[in-house]
Amino acid sequence: MNLGPPGANLFICHIPQEFGDQELLNAFQRFGTVLSAKVFVDKATGVSKCFGFVSYDSPVAAQSAINTMNGCQLGGKKVKVSNGRRQNSSIDGHIQTGCGTYCAISYLEMGLRQFMVPGTTPS
């Protein structure tokens, strides 16, 4: 998962259960260049956790997505879209979102910084 510059990374709550990464990308790509779109799933069951992240190449694109998509119906669910703001830059820092605080964990073996919720894994 590639992160965009500060202000360009969004946290999406209430994603429809049937949505995967591609469906999330399709829903958000009209606002700008999407660097990554990730729906998180339960590692044990493979079932969606109904939240994810979308990263853009610019804060302007991210703000446009927030302005348009926050509160919209997506696959029968009203999604909440907010900016995922880094509290600090440490590996075990936290991300404050409109839906709660989540741990930021560095996946060194992948060479990418990712957002994670304990007990979940990216799909």
PDB file of N, CA and C in Angstrom:
ATOM      1  N   MET A   1       0.848  -1.170   0.000  1.00  0.00           N
ATOM      2  CA  MET A   1       0.000   0.000   0.000  1.00  0.00           C
ATOM      3  C   MET A   1       0.889   1.227   0.000  1.00  0.00           C
ATOM      4  N   ASN A   2       0.742   2.090  -1.003  1.00  0.00           N
ATOM      5  CA  ASN A   2       1.523   3.312  -1.091  1.00  0.00           C
ATOM      6  C   ASN A   2       0.769   4.455  -0.441  1.00  0.00           C
ATOM      7  N   LEU A   3       1.465   5.234   0.366  1.00  0.00           N
ATOM      8  CA  LEU A   3       0.863   6.400   0.994  1.00  0.00           C
ATOM      9  C   LEU A   3       1.164   7.639   0.183  1.00  0.00           C
ATOM     10  N   GLY A   4       0.221   8.561   0.181  1.00  0.00           N
ATOM     11  CA  GLY A   4       0.410   9.834  -0.473  1.00  0.00           C
ATOM     12  C   GLY A   4       1.031  10.831   0.486  1.00  0.00           C
ATOM     13  N   PRO A   5       1.183  12.072   0.050  1.00  0.00           N
ATOM     14  CA  PRO A   5       1.730  13.114   0.916  1.00  0.00           C
ATOM     15  C   PRO A   5       0.760  13.427   2.053  1.00  0.00           C
ATOM     16  N   PRO A   6       1.207  14.177   3.067  1.00  0.00           N
ATOM     17  CA  PRO A   6       0.305  14.559   4.156  1.00  0.00           C
ATOM     18  C   PRO A   6      -0.973  15.199   3.614  1.00  0.00           C
ATOM     19  N   GLY A   7      -2.108  14.779   4.169  1.00  0.00           N
ATOM     20  CA  GLY A   7      -3.397  15.296   3.745  1.00  0.00           C
ATOM     21  C   GLY A   7      -4.003  14.577   2.558  1.00  0.00           C
ATOM     22  N   ALA A   8      -3.306  13.574   2.019  1.00  0.00           N
ATOM     23  CA  ALA A   8      -3.795  12.878   0.830  1.00  0.00           C
ATOM     24  C   ALA A   8      -4.220  11.442   1.115  1.00  0.00           C
ATOM     25  N   ASN A   9      -4.268  11.049   2.383  1.00  0.00           N
ATOM     26  CA  ASN A   9      -4.584   9.672   2.768  1.00  0.00           C
ATOM     27  C   ASN A   9      -5.909   9.653   3.522  1.00  0.00           C
ATOM     28  N   LEU A  10      -6.856   8.874   3.020  1.00  0.00           N
ATOM     29  CA  LEU A  10      -8.201   8.850   3.576  1.00  0.00           C
ATOM     30  C   LEU A  10      -8.516   7.529   4.260  1.00  0.00           C
ATOM     31  N   PHE A  11      -9.311   7.627   5.309  1.00  0.00           N
ATOM     32  CA  PHE A  11      -9.849   6.460   6.004  1.00  0.00           C
ATOM     33  C   PHE A  11     -11.320   6.380   5.656  1.00  0.00           C
ATOM     34  N   ILE A  12     -11.776   5.209   5.236  1.00  0.00           N
ATOM     35  CA  ILE A  12     -13.165   5.017   4.813  1.00  0.00           C
ATOM     36  C   ILE A  12     -13.824   4.012   5.746  1.00  0.00           C
ATOM     37  N   CYS A  13     -14.922   4.423   6.391  1.00  0.00           N
ATOM     38  CA  CYS A  13     -15.705   3.539   7.276  1.00  0.00           C
ATOM     39  C   CYS A  13     -16.987   3.123   6.570  1.00  0.00           C
ATOM     40  N   HIS A  14     -17.521   1.993   6.974  1.00  0.00           N
ATOM     41  CA  HIS A  14     -18.809   1.481   6.500  1.00  0.00           C
ATOM     42  C   HIS A  14     -18.784   1.117   5.015  1.00  0.00           C
ATOM     43  N   ILE A  15     -17.657   0.570   4.563  1.00  0.00           N
ATOM     44  CA  ILE A  15     -17.559   0.077   3.193  1.00  0.00           C
ATOM     45  C   ILE A  15     -18.455  -1.159   3.080  1.00  0.00           C
ATOM     46  N   PRO A  16     -19.227  -1.281   2.012  1.00  0.00           N
ATOM     47  CA  PRO A  16     -20.065  -2.473   1.862  1.00  0.00           C
ATOM     48  C   PRO A  16     -19.233  -3.756   1.944  1.00  0.00           C
ATOM     49  N   GLN A  17     -19.762  -4.748   2.608  1.00  0.00           N
ATOM     50  CA  GLN A  17     -19.044  -5.998   2.854  1.00  0.00           C
ATOM     51  C   GLN A  17     -18.567  -6.673   1.566  1.00  0.00           C
ATOM     52  N   GLU A  18     -19.311  -6.504   0.488  1.00  0.00           N
ATOM     53  CA  GLU A  18     -18.937  -7.166  -0.760  1.00  0.00           C
ATOM     54  C   GLU A  18     -17.831  -6.424  -1.524  1.00  0.00           C
ATOM     55  N   PHE A  19     -17.432  -5.249  -1.065  1.00  0.00           N
ATOM     56  CA  PHE A  19     -16.388  -4.482  -1.742  1.00  0.00           C
ATOM     57  C   PHE A  19     -15.007  -5.032  -1.427  1.00  0.00           C
ATOM     58  N   GLY A  20     -14.181  -5.103  -2.467  1.00  0.00           N
ATOM     59  CA  GLY A  20     -12.771  -5.423  -2.319  1.00  0.00           C
ATOM     60  C   GLY A  20     -11.956  -4.201  -2.735  1.00  0.00           C
ATOM     61  N   ASP A  21     -10.664  -4.394  -2.890  1.00  0.00           N
ATOM     62  CA  ASP A  21      -9.775  -3.295  -3.261  1.00  0.00           C
ATOM     63  C   ASP A  21     -10.193  -2.636  -4.582  1.00  0.00           C
ATOM     64  N   GLN A  22     -10.527  -3.437  -5.577  1.00  0.00           N
ATOM     65  CA  GLN A  22     -10.868  -2.885  -6.889  1.00  0.00           C
ATOM     66  C   GLN A  22     -12.138  -2.050  -6.846  1.00  0.00           C
ATOM     67  N   GLU A  23     -13.143  -2.515  -6.120  1.00  0.00           N
ATOM     68  CA  GLU A  23     -14.391  -1.754  -6.011  1.00  0.00           C
ATOM     69  C   GLU A  23     -14.167  -0.433  -5.274  1.00  0.00           C
ATOM     70  N   LEU A  24     -13.310  -0.469  -4.253  1.00  0.00           N
ATOM     71  CA  LEU A  24     -12.982   0.760  -3.533  1.00  0.00           C
ATOM     72  C   LEU A  24     -12.252   1.735  -4.463  1.00  0.00           C
ATOM     73  N   LEU A  25     -11.298   1.225  -5.220  1.00  0.00           N
ATOM     74  CA  LEU A  25     -10.589   2.047  -6.204  1.00  0.00           C
ATOM     75  C   LEU A  25     -11.568   2.650  -7.205  1.00  0.00           C
ATOM     76  N   ASN A  26     -12.470   1.842  -7.736  1.00  0.00           N
ATOM     77  CA  ASN A  26     -13.442   2.326  -8.720  1.00  0.00           C
ATOM     78  C   ASN A  26     -14.304   3.451  -8.150  1.00  0.00           C
ATOM     79  N   ALA A  27     -14.671   3.356  -6.887  1.00  0.00           N
ATOM     80  CA  ALA A  27     -15.534   4.361  -6.273  1.00  0.00           C
ATOM     81  C   ALA A  27     -14.806   5.687  -6.045  1.00  0.00           C
ATOM     82  N   PHE A  28     -13.472   5.664  -5.891  1.00  0.00           N
ATOM     83  CA  PHE A  28     -12.735   6.869  -5.508  1.00  0.00           C
ATOM     84  C   PHE A  28     -11.799   7.423  -6.577  1.00  0.00           C
ATOM     85  N   GLN A  29     -11.624   6.734  -7.695  1.00  0.00           N
ATOM     86  CA  GLN A  29     -10.636   7.199  -8.670  1.00  0.00           C
ATOM     87  C   GLN A  29     -11.068   8.439  -9.448  1.00  0.00           C
ATOM     88  N   ARG A  30     -12.332   8.780  -9.456  1.00  0.00           N
ATOM     89  CA  ARG A  30     -12.786   9.950 -10.212  1.00  0.00           C
ATOM     90  C   ARG A  30     -12.318  11.278  -9.614  1.00  0.00           C
ATOM     91  N   PHE A  31     -11.768  11.248  -8.399  1.00  0.00           N
ATOM     92  CA  PHE A  31     -11.358  12.485  -7.733  1.00  0.00           C
ATOM     93  C   PHE A  31      -9.886  12.826  -7.955  1.00  0.00           C
ATOM     94  N   GLY A  32      -9.126  11.901  -8.505  1.00  0.00           N
ATOM     95  CA  GLY A  32      -7.719  12.149  -8.757  1.00  0.00           C
ATOM     96  C   GLY A  32      -6.951  10.849  -8.886  1.00  0.00           C
ATOM     97  N   THR A  33      -5.640  10.961  -8.939  1.00  0.00           N
ATOM     98  CA  THR A  33      -4.781   9.788  -9.087  1.00  0.00           C
ATOM     99  C   THR A  33      -4.689   9.040  -7.766  1.00  0.00           C
ATOM    100  N   VAL A  34      -5.199   7.812  -7.749  1.00  0.00           N
ATOM    101  CA  VAL A  34      -5.175   6.974  -6.552  1.00  0.00           C
ATOM    102  C   VAL A  34      -3.865   6.181  -6.539  1.00  0.00           C
ATOM    103  N   LEU A  35      -3.108   6.331  -5.463  1.00  0.00           N
ATOM    104  CA  LEU A  35      -1.867   5.573  -5.305  1.00  0.00           C
ATOM    105  C   LEU A  35      -2.143   4.176  -4.777  1.00  0.00           C
ATOM    106  N   SER A  36      -3.147   4.056  -3.908  1.00  0.00           N
ATOM    107  CA  SER A  36      -3.543   2.747  -3.394  1.00  0.00           C
ATOM    108  C   SER A  36      -4.945   2.817  -2.827  1.00  0.00           C
ATOM    109  N   ALA A  37      -5.624   1.683  -2.859  1.00  0.00           N
ATOM    110  CA  ALA A  37      -6.946   1.518  -2.264  1.00  0.00           C
ATOM    111  C   ALA A  37      -6.951   0.145  -1.615  1.00  0.00           C
ATOM    112  N   LYS A  38      -7.210   0.094  -0.326  1.00  0.00           N
ATOM    113  CA  LYS A  38      -7.102  -1.162   0.409  1.00  0.00           C
ATOM    114  C   LYS A  38      -8.289  -1.331   1.355  1.00  0.00           C
ATOM    115  N   VAL A  39      -9.002  -2.451   1.192  1.00  0.00           N
ATOM    116  CA  VAL A  39     -10.058  -2.850   2.117  1.00  0.00           C
ATOM    117  C   VAL A  39      -9.437  -3.872   3.063  1.00  0.00           C
ATOM    118  N   PHE A  40      -9.644  -3.707   4.353  1.00  0.00           N
ATOM    119  CA  PHE A  40      -9.067  -4.631   5.322  1.00  0.00           C
ATOM    120  C   PHE A  40     -10.013  -5.790   5.590  1.00  0.00           C
ATOM    121  N   VAL A  41      -9.412  -6.986   5.735  1.00  0.00           N
ATOM    122  CA  VAL A  41     -10.180  -8.210   5.953  1.00  0.00           C
ATOM    123  C   VAL A  41      -9.674  -8.929   7.195  1.00  0.00           C
ATOM    124  N   ASP A  42     -10.559  -9.707   7.770  1.00  0.00           N
ATOM    125  CA  ASP A  42     -10.190 -10.538   8.908  1.00  0.00           C
ATOM    126  C   ASP A  42      -9.272 -11.644   8.404  1.00  0.00           C
ATOM    127  N   LYS A  43      -8.123 -11.788   9.024  1.00  0.00           N
ATOM    128  CA  LYS A  43      -7.141 -12.772   8.577  1.00  0.00           C
ATOM    129  C   LYS A  43      -7.666 -14.210   8.669  1.00  0.00           C
ATOM    130  N   ALA A  44      -8.402 -14.495   9.712  1.00  0.00           N
ATOM    131  CA  ALA A  44      -8.877 -15.861   9.927  1.00  0.00           C
ATOM    132  C   ALA A  44     -10.013 -16.247   8.978  1.00  0.00           C
ATOM    133  N   THR A  45     -10.922 -15.298   8.715  1.00  0.00           N
ATOM    134  CA  THR A  45     -12.112 -15.636   7.934  1.00  0.00           C
ATOM    135  C   THR A  45     -12.081 -15.127   6.499  1.00  0.00           C
ATOM    136  N   GLY A  46     -11.244 -14.132   6.233  1.00  0.00           N
ATOM    137  CA  GLY A  46     -11.219 -13.519   4.908  1.00  0.00           C
ATOM    138  C   GLY A  46     -12.375 -12.577   4.658  1.00  0.00           C
ATOM    139  N   VAL A  47     -13.176 -12.312   5.687  1.00  0.00           N
ATOM    140  CA  VAL A  47     -14.343 -11.443   5.571  1.00  0.00           C
ATOM    141  C   VAL A  47     -13.916  -9.987   5.767  1.00  0.00           C
ATOM    142  N   SER A  48     -14.488  -9.111   4.970  1.00  0.00           N
ATOM    143  CA  SER A  48     -14.177  -7.685   5.057  1.00  0.00           C
ATOM    144  C   SER A  48     -14.480  -7.129   6.443  1.00  0.00           C
ATOM    145  N   LYS A  49     -13.622  -6.227   6.894  1.00  0.00           N
ATOM    146  CA  LYS A  49     -13.846  -5.492   8.137  1.00  0.00           C
ATOM    147  C   LYS A  49     -14.658  -4.219   7.880  1.00  0.00           C
ATOM    148  N   CYS A  50     -14.994  -3.981   6.610  1.00  0.00           N
ATOM    149  CA  CYS A  50     -15.830  -2.848   6.188  1.00  0.00           C
ATOM    150  C   CYS A  50     -15.187  -1.487   6.435  1.00  0.00           C
ATOM    151  N   PHE A  51     -13.856  -1.449   6.425  1.00  0.00           N
ATOM    152  CA  PHE A  51     -13.144  -0.185   6.446  1.00  0.00           C
ATOM    153  C   PHE A  51     -11.894  -0.334   5.602  1.00  0.00           C
ATOM    154  N   GLY A  52     -11.338   0.795   5.217  1.00  0.00           N
ATOM    155  CA  GLY A  52     -10.139   0.756   4.399  1.00  0.00           C
ATOM    156  C   GLY A  52      -9.526   2.124   4.237  1.00  0.00           C
ATOM    157  N   PHE A  53      -8.504   2.185   3.389  1.00  0.00           N
ATOM    158  CA  PHE A  53      -7.772   3.417   3.133  1.00  0.00           C
ATOM    159  C   PHE A  53      -7.672   3.649   1.638  1.00  0.00           C
ATOM    160  N   VAL A  54      -7.725   4.910   1.268  1.00  0.00           N
ATOM    161  CA  VAL A  54      -7.459   5.333  -0.100  1.00  0.00           C
ATOM    162  C   VAL A  54      -6.409   6.431  -0.015  1.00  0.00           C
ATOM    163  N   SER A  55      -5.346   6.301  -0.792  1.00  0.00           N
ATOM    164  CA  SER A  55      -4.291   7.311  -0.824  1.00  0.00           C
ATOM    165  C   SER A  55      -4.211   7.930  -2.211  1.00  0.00           C
ATOM    166  N   TYR A  56      -4.198   9.249  -2.239  1.00  0.00           N
ATOM    167  CA  TYR A  56      -4.087  10.016  -3.479  1.00  0.00           C
ATOM    168  C   TYR A  56      -2.694  10.605  -3.602  1.00  0.00           C
ATOM    169  N   ASP A  57      -2.411  11.128  -4.770  1.00  0.00           N
ATOM    170  CA  ASP A  57      -1.126  11.787  -4.989  1.00  0.00           C
ATOM    171  C   ASP A  57      -1.139  13.245  -4.547  1.00  0.00           C
ATOM    172  N   SER A  58      -2.320  13.764  -4.171  1.00  0.00           N
ATOM    173  CA  SER A  58      -2.392  15.160  -3.722  1.00  0.00           C
ATOM    174  C   SER A  58      -3.491  15.354  -2.684  1.00  0.00           C
ATOM    175  N   PRO A  59      -3.284  16.291  -1.750  1.00  0.00           N
ATOM    176  CA  PRO A  59      -4.322  16.618  -0.773  1.00  0.00           C
ATOM    177  C   PRO A  59      -5.580  17.207  -1.423  1.00  0.00           C
ATOM    178  N   VAL A  60      -5.437  17.878  -2.552  1.00  0.00           N
ATOM    179  CA  VAL A  60      -6.592  18.457  -3.249  1.00  0.00           C
ATOM    180  C   VAL A  60      -7.548  17.350  -3.694  1.00  0.00           C
ATOM    181  N   ALA A  61      -7.023  16.282  -4.254  1.00  0.00           N
ATOM    182  CA  ALA A  61      -7.853  15.149  -4.682  1.00  0.00           C
ATOM    183  C   ALA A  61      -8.534  14.506  -3.474  1.00  0.00           C
ATOM    184  N   ALA A  62      -7.790  14.344  -2.388  1.00  0.00           N
ATOM    185  CA  ALA A  62      -8.353  13.742  -1.176  1.00  0.00           C
ATOM    186  C   ALA A  62      -9.494  14.588  -0.623  1.00  0.00           C
ATOM    187  N   GLN A  63      -9.312  15.897  -0.591  1.00  0.00           N
ATOM    188  CA  GLN A  63     -10.364  16.777  -0.070  1.00  0.00           C
ATOM    189  C   GLN A  63     -11.595  16.741  -0.957  1.00  0.00           C
ATOM    190  N   SER A  64     -11.399  16.653  -2.248  1.00  0.00           N
ATOM    191  CA  SER A  64     -12.518  16.534  -3.177  1.00  0.00           C
ATOM    192  C   SER A  64     -13.309  15.250  -2.898  1.00  0.00           C
ATOM    193  N   ALA A  65     -12.593  14.156  -2.641  1.00  0.00           N
ATOM    194  CA  ALA A  65     -13.252  12.885  -2.317  1.00  0.00           C
ATOM    195  C   ALA A  65     -14.027  12.994  -1.005  1.00  0.00           C
ATOM    196  N   ILE A  66     -13.445  13.634  -0.004  1.00  0.00           N
ATOM    197  CA  ILE A  66     -14.138  13.811   1.280  1.00  0.00           C
ATOM    198  C   ILE A  66     -15.414  14.618   1.062  1.00  0.00           C
ATOM    199  N   ASN A  67     -15.284  15.732   0.363  1.00  0.00           N
ATOM    200  CA  ASN A  67     -16.430  16.622   0.149  1.00  0.00           C
ATOM    201  C   ASN A  67     -17.576  15.931  -0.576  1.00  0.00           C
ATOM    202  N   THR A  68     -17.261  15.053  -1.502  1.00  0.00           N
ATOM    203  CA  THR A  68     -18.292  14.391  -2.305  1.00  0.00           C
ATOM    204  C   THR A  68     -18.784  13.087  -1.690  1.00  0.00           C
ATOM    205  N   MET A  69     -17.870  12.275  -1.166  1.00  0.00           N
ATOM    206  CA  MET A  69     -18.228  10.912  -0.760  1.00  0.00           C
ATOM    207  C   MET A  69     -18.662  10.769   0.695  1.00  0.00           C
ATOM    208  N   ASN A  70     -18.238  11.660   1.575  1.00  0.00           N
ATOM    209  CA  ASN A  70     -18.601  11.517   2.987  1.00  0.00           C
ATOM    210  C   ASN A  70     -20.120  11.609   3.150  1.00  0.00           C
ATOM    211  N   GLY A  71     -20.714  10.551   3.679  1.00  0.00           N
ATOM    212  CA  GLY A  71     -22.154  10.503   3.879  1.00  0.00           C
ATOM    213  C   GLY A  71     -22.942   9.958   2.697  1.00  0.00           C
ATOM    214  N   CYS A  72     -22.267   9.650   1.597  1.00  0.00           N
ATOM    215  CA  CYS A  72     -22.952   9.116   0.419  1.00  0.00           C
ATOM    216  C   CYS A  72     -23.269   7.633   0.580  1.00  0.00           C
ATOM    217  N   GLN A  73     -24.292   7.204  -0.143  1.00  0.00           N
ATOM    218  CA  GLN A  73     -24.630   5.791  -0.193  1.00  0.00           C
ATOM    219  C   GLN A  73     -23.673   5.094  -1.150  1.00  0.00           C
ATOM    220  N   LEU A  74     -23.093   4.010  -0.685  1.00  0.00           N
ATOM    221  CA  LEU A  74     -22.198   3.218  -1.519  1.00  0.00           C
ATOM    222  C   LEU A  74     -22.592   1.763  -1.299  1.00  0.00           C
ATOM    223  N   GLY A  75     -23.141   1.129  -2.326  1.00  0.00           N
ATOM    224  CA  GLY A  75     -23.580  -0.254  -2.190  1.00  0.00           C
ATOM    225  C   GLY A  75     -24.577  -0.448  -1.065  1.00  0.00           C
ATOM    226  N   GLY A  76     -25.454   0.526  -0.867  1.00  0.00           N
ATOM    227  CA  GLY A  76     -26.482   0.404   0.165  1.00  0.00           C
ATOM    228  C   GLY A  76     -26.051   0.835   1.552  1.00  0.00           C
ATOM    229  N   LYS A  77     -24.803   1.286   1.714  1.00  0.00           N
ATOM    230  CA  LYS A  77     -24.337   1.740   3.033  1.00  0.00           C
ATOM    231  C   LYS A  77     -23.889   3.189   2.940  1.00  0.00           C
ATOM    232  N   LYS A  78     -24.102   3.932   4.012  1.00  0.00           N
ATOM    233  CA  LYS A  78     -23.689   5.332   4.074  1.00  0.00           C
ATOM    234  C   LYS A  78     -22.248   5.374   4.580  1.00  0.00           C
ATOM    235  N   VAL A  79     -21.308   5.702   3.686  1.00  0.00           N
ATOM    236  CA  VAL A  79     -19.890   5.674   4.049  1.00  0.00           C
ATOM    237  C   VAL A  79     -19.472   6.947   4.769  1.00  0.00           C
ATOM    238  N   LYS A  80     -18.477   6.797   5.614  1.00  0.00           N
ATOM    239  CA  LYS A  80     -17.859   7.935   6.291  1.00  0.00           C
ATOM    240  C   LYS A  80     -16.436   8.028   5.763  1.00  0.00           C
ATOM    241  N   VAL A  81     -16.085   9.183   5.228  1.00  0.00           N
ATOM    242  CA  VAL A  81     -14.774   9.405   4.630  1.00  0.00           C
ATOM    243  C   VAL A  81     -14.093  10.524   5.399  1.00  0.00           C
ATOM    244  N   SER A  82     -12.895  10.252   5.900  1.00  0.00           N
ATOM    245  CA  SER A  82     -12.170  11.266   6.656  1.00  0.00           C
ATOM    246  C   SER A  82     -10.686  11.186   6.344  1.00  0.00           C
ATOM    247  N   ASN A  83     -10.005  12.253   6.656  1.00  0.00           N
ATOM    248  CA  ASN A  83      -8.562  12.315   6.443  1.00  0.00           C
ATOM    249  C   ASN A  83      -7.877  11.541   7.558  1.00  0.00           C
ATOM    250  N   GLY A  84      -6.984  10.601   7.204  1.00  0.00           N
ATOM    251  CA  GLY A  84      -6.187   9.866   8.192  1.00  0.00           C
ATOM    252  C   GLY A  84      -4.944  10.688   8.487  1.00  0.00           C
ATOM    253  N   ARG A  85      -4.901  11.351   9.636  1.00  0.00           N
ATOM    254  CA  ARG A  85      -3.792  12.229   9.984  1.00  0.00           C
ATOM    255  C   ARG A  85      -2.820  11.518  10.888  1.00  0.00           C
ATOM    256  N   ARG A  86      -1.544  11.533  10.546  1.00  0.00           N
ATOM    257  CA  ARG A  86      -0.534  10.903  11.385  1.00  0.00           C
ATOM    258  C   ARG A  86      -0.302  11.731  12.632  1.00  0.00           C
ATOM    259  N   GLN A  87      -0.383  11.094  13.796  1.00  0.00           N
ATOM    260  CA  GLN A  87      -0.127  11.779  15.063  1.00  0.00           C
ATOM    261  C   GLN A  87       1.357  12.060  15.233  1.00  0.00           C
ATOM    262  N   ASN A  88       2.196  11.118  14.817  1.00  0.00           N
ATOM    263  CA  ASN A  88       3.648  11.307  14.852  1.00  0.00           C
ATOM    264  C   ASN A  88       4.246  10.399  13.800  1.00  0.00           C
ATOM    265  N   SER A  89       5.535  10.487  13.606  1.00  0.00           N
ATOM    266  CA  SER A  89       6.138   9.735  12.514  1.00  0.00           C
ATOM    267  C   SER A  89       6.858   8.472  12.966  1.00  0.00           C
ATOM    268  N   SER A  90       6.696   8.079  14.218  1.00  0.00           N
ATOM    269  CA  SER A  90       7.370   6.873  14.676  1.00  0.00           C
ATOM    270  C   SER A  90       6.699   5.644  14.075  1.00  0.00           C
ATOM    271  N   ILE A  91       7.437   4.553  14.022  1.00  0.00           N
ATOM    272  CA  ILE A  91       6.906   3.313  13.442  1.00  0.00           C
ATOM    273  C   ILE A  91       5.660   2.858  14.187  1.00  0.00           C
ATOM    274  N   ASP A  92       5.635   3.038  15.506  1.00  0.00           N
ATOM    275  CA  ASP A  92       4.469   2.624  16.280  1.00  0.00           C
ATOM    276  C   ASP A  92       3.554   3.801  16.577  1.00  0.00           C
ATOM    277  N   GLY A  93       3.547   4.804  15.694  1.00  0.00           N
ATOM    278  CA  GLY A  93       2.690   5.976  15.863  1.00  0.00           C
ATOM    279  C   GLY A  93       1.236   5.606  15.678  1.00  0.00           C
ATOM    280  N   HIS A  94       0.378   6.577  15.757  1.00  0.00           N
ATOM    281  CA  HIS A  94      -1.044   6.332  15.598  1.00  0.00           C
ATOM    282  C   HIS A  94      -1.609   7.222  14.517  1.00  0.00           C
ATOM    283  N   ILE A  95      -2.667   6.774  13.931  1.00  0.00           N
ATOM    284  CA  ILE A  95      -3.395   7.523  12.929  1.00  0.00           C
ATOM    285  C   ILE A  95      -4.723   7.927  13.559  1.00  0.00           C
ATOM    286  N   GLN A  96      -4.995   9.230  13.582  1.00  0.00           N
ATOM    287  CA  GLN A  96      -6.287   9.694  14.088  1.00  0.00           C
ATOM    288  C   GLN A  96      -7.214   9.862  12.897  1.00  0.00           C
ATOM    289  N   THR A  97      -8.350   9.218  12.947  1.00  0.00           N
ATOM    290  CA  THR A  97      -9.317   9.313  11.860  1.00  0.00           C
ATOM    291  C   THR A  97     -10.655   9.727  12.428  1.00  0.00           C
ATOM    292  N   GLY A  98     -11.586   9.992  11.553  1.00  0.00           N
ATOM    293  CA  GLY A  98     -12.933  10.322  11.981  1.00  0.00           C
ATOM    294  C   GLY A  98     -13.656   9.132  12.580  1.00  0.00           C
ATOM    295  N   CYS A  99     -13.109   7.939  12.450  1.00  0.00           N
ATOM    296  CA  CYS A  99     -13.753   6.728  12.959  1.00  0.00           C
ATOM    297  C   CYS A  99     -13.005   6.143  14.153  1.00  0.00           C
ATOM    298  N   GLY A 100     -11.906   6.747  14.579  1.00  0.00           N
ATOM    299  CA  GLY A 100     -11.146   6.231  15.708  1.00  0.00           C
ATOM    300  C   GLY A 100      -9.657   6.324  15.471  1.00  0.00           C
ATOM    301  N   THR A 101      -8.885   5.798  16.401  1.00  0.00           N
ATOM    302  CA  THR A 101      -7.428   5.829  16.307  1.00  0.00           C
ATOM    303  C   THR A 101      -6.919   4.433  15.995  1.00  0.00           C
ATOM    304  N   TYR A 102      -6.019   4.329  15.038  1.00  0.00           N
ATOM    305  CA  TYR A 102      -5.487   3.048  14.605  1.00  0.00           C
ATOM    306  C   TYR A 102      -3.977   3.089  14.589  1.00  0.00           C
ATOM    307  N   CYS A 103      -3.377   1.947  14.781  1.00  0.00           N
ATOM    308  CA  CYS A 103      -1.916   1.870  14.807  1.00  0.00           C
ATOM    309  C   CYS A 103      -1.342   1.928  13.402  1.00  0.00           C
ATOM    310  N   ALA A 104      -0.226   2.612  13.286  1.00  0.00           N
ATOM    311  CA  ALA A 104       0.530   2.606  12.027  1.00  0.00           C
ATOM    312  C   ALA A 104       1.708   1.676  12.239  1.00  0.00           C
ATOM    313  N   ILE A 105       1.807   0.644  11.421  1.00  0.00           N
ATOM    314  CA  ILE A 105       2.858  -0.355  11.563  1.00  0.00           C
ATOM    315  C   ILE A 105       3.670  -0.392  10.287  1.00  0.00           C
ATOM    316  N   SER A 106       4.964  -0.469  10.420  1.00  0.00           N
ATOM    317  CA  SER A 106       5.817  -0.556   9.237  1.00  0.00           C
ATOM    318  C   SER A 106       6.039  -2.015   8.900  1.00  0.00           C
ATOM    319  N   TYR A 107       5.709  -2.386   7.658  1.00  0.00           N
ATOM    320  CA  TYR A 107       5.975  -3.729   7.180  1.00  0.00           C
ATOM    321  C   TYR A 107       7.322  -3.700   6.477  1.00  0.00           C
ATOM    322  N   LEU A 108       8.374  -3.931   7.243  1.00  0.00           N
ATOM    323  CA  LEU A 108       9.719  -3.811   6.713  1.00  0.00           C
ATOM    324  C   LEU A 108       9.972  -4.795   5.578  1.00  0.00           C
ATOM    325  N   GLU A 109       9.388  -6.006   5.681  1.00  0.00           N
ATOM    326  CA  GLU A 109       9.610  -6.989   4.631  1.00  0.00           C
ATOM    327  C   GLU A 109       8.987  -6.555   3.311  1.00  0.00           C
ATOM    328  N   MET A 110       7.992  -5.699   3.356  1.00  0.00           N
ATOM    329  CA  MET A 110       7.361  -5.213   2.140  1.00  0.00           C
ATOM    330  C   MET A 110       7.936  -3.864   1.719  1.00  0.00           C
ATOM    331  N   GLY A 111       8.646  -3.214   2.636  1.00  0.00           N
ATOM    332  CA  GLY A 111       9.216  -1.916   2.325  1.00  0.00           C
ATOM    333  C   GLY A 111       8.179  -0.815   2.204  1.00  0.00           C
ATOM    334  N   LEU A 112       6.979  -1.042   2.735  1.00  0.00           N
ATOM    335  CA  LEU A 112       5.906  -0.056   2.653  1.00  0.00           C
ATOM    336  C   LEU A 112       5.371   0.244   4.040  1.00  0.00           C
ATOM    337  N   ARG A 113       4.979   1.482   4.268  1.00  0.00           N
ATOM    338  CA  ARG A 113       4.320   1.849   5.516  1.00  0.00           C
ATOM    339  C   ARG A 113       2.827   1.605   5.323  1.00  0.00           C
ATOM    340  N   GLN A 114       2.204   0.934   6.267  1.00  0.00           N
ATOM    341  CA  GLN A 114       0.790   0.610   6.139  1.00  0.00           C
ATOM    342  C   GLN A 114       0.053   0.978   7.409  1.00  0.00           C
ATOM    343  N   PHE A 115      -1.225   1.188   7.271  1.00  0.00           N
ATOM    344  CA  PHE A 115      -2.109   1.396   8.409  1.00  0.00           C
ATOM    345  C   PHE A 115      -2.708   0.040   8.757  1.00  0.00           C
ATOM    346  N   MET A 116      -2.739  -0.271  10.029  1.00  0.00           N
ATOM    347  CA  MET A 116      -3.295  -1.548  10.459  1.00  0.00           C
ATOM    348  C   MET A 116      -4.147  -1.360  11.694  1.00  0.00           C
ATOM    349  N   VAL A 117      -5.109  -2.206  11.842  1.00  0.00           N
ATOM    350  CA  VAL A 117      -5.870  -2.339  13.067  1.00  0.00           C
ATOM    351  C   VAL A 117      -5.457  -3.665  13.652  1.00  0.00           C
ATOM    352  N   PRO A 118      -5.116  -3.703  14.956  1.00  0.00           N
ATOM    353  CA  PRO A 118      -4.706  -4.988  15.543  1.00  0.00           C
ATOM    354  C   PRO A 118      -5.730  -6.079  15.237  1.00  0.00           C
ATOM    355  N   GLY A 119      -5.233  -7.247  14.830  1.00  0.00           N
ATOM    356  CA  GLY A 119      -6.089  -8.381  14.537  1.00  0.00           C
ATOM    357  C   GLY A 119      -6.571  -8.446  13.101  1.00  0.00           C
ATOM    358  N   THR A 120      -6.116  -7.500  12.247  1.00  0.00           N
ATOM    359  CA  THR A 120      -6.518  -7.526  10.844  1.00  0.00           C
ATOM    360  C   THR A 120      -5.287  -7.544   9.963  1.00  0.00           C
ATOM    361  N   THR A 121      -5.493  -7.853   8.720  1.00  0.00           N
ATOM    362  CA  THR A 121      -4.404  -7.820   7.749  1.00  0.00           C
ATOM    363  C   THR A 121      -4.932  -7.288   6.433  1.00  0.00           C
ATOM    364  N   PRO A 122      -4.072  -6.633   5.660  1.00  0.00           N
ATOM    365  CA  PRO A 122      -4.530  -6.165   4.353  1.00  0.00           C
ATOM    366  C   PRO A 122      -4.903  -7.360   3.476  1.00  0.00           C
ATOM    367  N   SER A 123      -5.895  -7.180   2.619  1.00  0.00           N
ATOM    368  CA  SER A 123      -6.309  -8.272   1.729  1.00  0.00           C
ATOM    369  C   SER A 123      -5.319  -8.444   0.603  1.00  0.00           C
TER     370      SER A 123
END
